[in-house]
Amino acid sequence: MRNLTLVLVLASIVVMEGQSSLSPSLQVNLERLFPIASSFSEKEGTPPHFKAYGADRKIIGYAFWTTELEPLERGYDGPIQMLVGIDLDAELTGIIVIRHHEPYGYFSIDMPDYSMQFLQKSIRDRFRVGADIDAVATATITMRSATRAVRNGARRMARRFLVPDRAK
């Protein structure tokens, strides 16, 4: 009986080894940020982040929640939760707006055009609303706050995890 219990425990460990405990919606969003990734880590570290791995199990990028980094950026009506991806060349792989309570978000930060502006944007860019980020006039506070959260978060992640000569 003891041997059977040991075999069952070992078998469950082997099965669980290849499975992710990330929620299905988080898994889908991480895959949107890193379409070529073969797997993702659990959230870990300081600042909190997810690692994206290529087929060879090497890190290809990092993802983070804007609401888990200090200082917390607030929009007009509270924090704007976005999932942001950054690759090893210090370029954004994208942003996904997850949750907000902004009165004008439905035609500003929720629009696909807002998120698309960040695709392959270097963390060294200015991130200035009205200059290199298109603005919606009635959603200025929301747009500026969301843009700062992406810029500051991505730069913080790059300082912490990217090798200086790769961050060009």
Protein backbone atom coordinates (compact mmCIF):
# COMPACT_ATOMS: atom_id res chain seq x y z
CA MET A 1 0.00 0.00 0.00
CA ARG A 2 2.84 2.35 0.86
CA ASN A 3 4.49 1.73 -2.52
CA LEU A 4 1.22 2.47 -4.33
CA THR A 5 0.89 5.77 -2.47
CA LEU A 6 4.44 6.73 -3.39
CA VAL A 7 3.82 5.88 -7.06
CA LEU A 8 0.64 7.99 -7.10
CA VAL A 9 2.38 10.97 -5.50
CA LEU A 10 5.28 10.76 -7.97
CA ALA A 11 2.88 10.42 -10.90
CA SER A 12 0.93 13.51 -9.82
CA ILE A 13 4.16 15.49 -9.52
CA VAL A 14 5.16 14.49 -13.07
CA VAL A 15 1.72 15.45 -14.43
CA MET A 16 1.70 18.79 -12.58
CA GLU A 17 5.23 19.61 -13.72
CA GLY A 18 4.09 20.34 -17.27
CA GLN A 19 0.95 22.27 -16.29
CA SER A 20 0.58 25.91 -15.51
CA SER A 21 -1.50 27.11 -12.62
CA LEU A 22 -2.06 30.48 -14.32
CA SER A 23 -5.72 31.31 -14.81
CA PRO A 24 -6.97 30.63 -18.36
CA SER A 25 -7.67 34.34 -18.98
CA LEU A 26 -4.19 35.34 -17.78
CA GLN A 27 -2.64 32.61 -19.95
CA VAL A 28 -4.51 33.95 -23.01
CA ASN A 29 -3.39 37.52 -22.30
CA LEU A 30 0.23 36.49 -21.81
CA GLU A 31 0.05 34.62 -25.12
CA ARG A 32 -1.27 37.79 -26.77
CA LEU A 33 1.78 39.68 -25.48
CA PHE A 34 4.22 36.90 -26.41
CA PRO A 35 2.76 34.85 -29.29
CA ILE A 36 5.97 32.85 -29.79
CA ALA A 37 6.36 31.92 -26.12
CA SER A 38 6.10 28.24 -25.25
CA SER A 39 5.43 28.80 -21.52
CA PHE A 40 5.20 31.35 -18.75
CA SER A 41 6.32 31.46 -15.14
CA GLU A 42 4.08 32.11 -12.20
CA LYS A 43 4.18 35.68 -10.93
CA GLU A 44 7.37 36.13 -8.93
CA GLY A 45 10.07 38.49 -7.76
CA THR A 46 10.51 42.16 -7.10
CA PRO A 47 9.01 43.92 -8.91
CA PRO A 48 6.33 41.26 -9.44
CA HIS A 49 6.49 39.84 -12.96
CA PHE A 50 5.89 36.87 -15.24
CA LYS A 51 8.64 35.43 -17.42
CA ALA A 52 7.94 34.39 -20.99
CA TYR A 53 10.01 31.44 -22.25
CA GLY A 54 10.85 30.41 -25.79
CA ALA A 55 10.86 26.82 -27.03
CA ASP A 56 14.44 26.40 -25.74
CA ARG A 57 13.32 27.44 -22.21
CA LYS A 58 15.27 30.71 -22.45
CA ILE A 59 13.61 33.91 -21.29
CA ILE A 60 12.26 35.98 -24.19
CA GLY A 61 10.57 38.69 -22.14
CA TYR A 62 8.74 39.84 -19.05
CA ALA A 63 5.17 40.86 -18.29
CA PHE A 64 3.86 42.89 -15.38
CA TRP A 65 0.71 44.45 -13.98
CA THR A 66 0.81 48.24 -13.86
CA THR A 67 -1.20 48.16 -10.62
CA GLU A 68 1.52 46.20 -8.82
CA LEU A 69 4.30 48.75 -9.23
CA GLU A 70 5.02 51.74 -7.04
CA PRO A 71 4.25 54.53 -7.29
CA LEU A 72 0.76 53.54 -8.33
CA GLU A 73 -0.50 55.67 -11.19
CA ARG A 74 -4.14 56.68 -10.87
CA GLY A 75 -6.46 57.76 -13.64
CA TYR A 76 -9.35 60.18 -13.22
CA ASP A 77 -11.34 57.60 -11.24
CA GLY A 78 -8.75 55.20 -9.83
CA PRO A 79 -5.99 52.80 -10.90
CA ILE A 80 -5.93 51.48 -14.46
CA GLN A 81 -4.93 47.81 -14.51
CA MET A 82 -2.92 46.89 -17.59
CA LEU A 83 -0.79 43.88 -18.44
CA VAL A 84 2.39 45.01 -20.18
CA GLY A 85 4.98 42.94 -22.03
CA ILE A 86 8.62 43.89 -22.63
CA ASP A 87 11.15 41.93 -24.66
CA LEU A 88 14.90 41.58 -24.11
CA ASP A 89 15.60 44.45 -26.53
CA ALA A 90 13.68 46.86 -24.26
CA GLU A 91 10.74 47.11 -26.63
CA LEU A 92 7.15 46.71 -25.58
CA THR A 93 5.46 43.61 -26.95
CA GLY A 94 2.09 45.18 -26.19
CA ILE A 95 -0.31 46.31 -23.52
CA ILE A 96 -3.71 44.96 -22.58
CA VAL A 97 -6.13 47.15 -20.62
CA ILE A 98 -7.78 44.79 -18.13
CA ARG A 99 -9.76 46.95 -15.72
CA HIS A 100 -10.53 50.59 -15.06
CA HIS A 101 -13.32 52.85 -13.83
CA GLU A 102 -12.64 55.74 -16.15
CA PRO A 103 -15.66 57.67 -17.42
CA TYR A 104 -14.13 58.09 -20.89
CA GLY A 105 -12.17 54.86 -21.09
CA TYR A 106 -14.58 53.33 -23.57
CA PHE A 107 -13.35 55.69 -26.27
CA SER A 108 -9.81 56.36 -25.10
CA ILE A 109 -7.75 53.62 -23.42
CA ASP A 110 -10.21 50.85 -24.38
CA MET A 111 -9.83 51.57 -28.08
CA PRO A 112 -7.50 49.16 -29.93
CA ASP A 113 -5.66 52.17 -31.40
CA TYR A 114 -4.45 53.18 -27.92
CA SER A 115 -2.89 49.78 -27.20
CA MET A 116 -1.47 49.40 -30.72
CA GLN A 117 0.64 52.57 -30.27
CA PHE A 118 2.80 50.72 -27.75
CA LEU A 119 3.60 47.70 -29.92
CA GLN A 120 7.40 47.63 -30.45
CA LYS A 121 7.79 51.00 -28.75
CA SER A 122 11.20 51.41 -27.14
CA ILE A 123 11.31 52.19 -23.45
CA ARG A 124 13.63 55.07 -24.40
CA ASP A 125 10.85 56.86 -26.29
CA ARG A 126 9.31 59.92 -24.69
CA PHE A 127 5.79 58.53 -24.08
CA ARG A 128 4.29 62.03 -24.30
CA VAL A 129 0.53 62.25 -24.82
CA GLY A 130 -0.10 64.51 -27.78
CA ALA A 131 3.43 63.94 -29.15
CA ASP A 132 4.34 60.27 -29.63
CA ILE A 133 1.11 58.98 -28.03
CA ASP A 134 -2.19 60.01 -29.63
CA ALA A 135 -4.63 61.67 -27.25
CA VAL A 136 -8.38 61.89 -26.82
CA ALA A 137 -9.12 65.45 -25.71
CA THR A 138 -11.81 64.58 -23.15
CA ALA A 139 -9.74 61.82 -21.53
CA THR A 140 -6.52 63.70 -20.82
CA ILE A 141 -6.08 62.57 -17.20
CA THR A 142 -6.81 58.95 -18.11
CA MET A 143 -4.49 58.95 -21.12
CA ARG A 144 -1.60 60.58 -19.29
CA SER A 145 -1.91 58.32 -16.25
CA ALA A 146 -2.14 55.13 -18.32
CA THR A 147 0.80 56.19 -20.47
CA ARG A 148 2.94 57.05 -17.42
CA ALA A 149 2.08 53.68 -15.85
CA VAL A 150 3.28 51.86 -18.98
CA ARG A 151 6.42 53.99 -19.40
CA ASN A 152 7.50 53.95 -15.76
CA GLY A 153 6.71 50.27 -15.30
CA ALA A 154 8.57 49.22 -18.44
CA ARG A 155 11.60 51.30 -17.51
CA ARG A 156 11.62 49.86 -14.00
CA MET A 157 11.46 46.31 -15.37
CA ALA A 158 14.25 47.05 -17.84
CA ARG A 159 16.51 48.47 -15.12
CA ARG A 160 15.93 45.40 -12.99
CA PHE A 161 16.05 42.57 -15.54
CA LEU A 162 17.64 43.59 -18.83
CA VAL A 163 21.36 43.39 -19.45
CA PRO A 164 22.59 46.96 -20.14
CA ASP A 165 24.19 46.24 -23.52
CA ARG A 166 20.99 44.57 -24.79
CA ALA A 167 18.73 47.49 -23.79
CA LYS A 168 19.30 49.63 -26.88
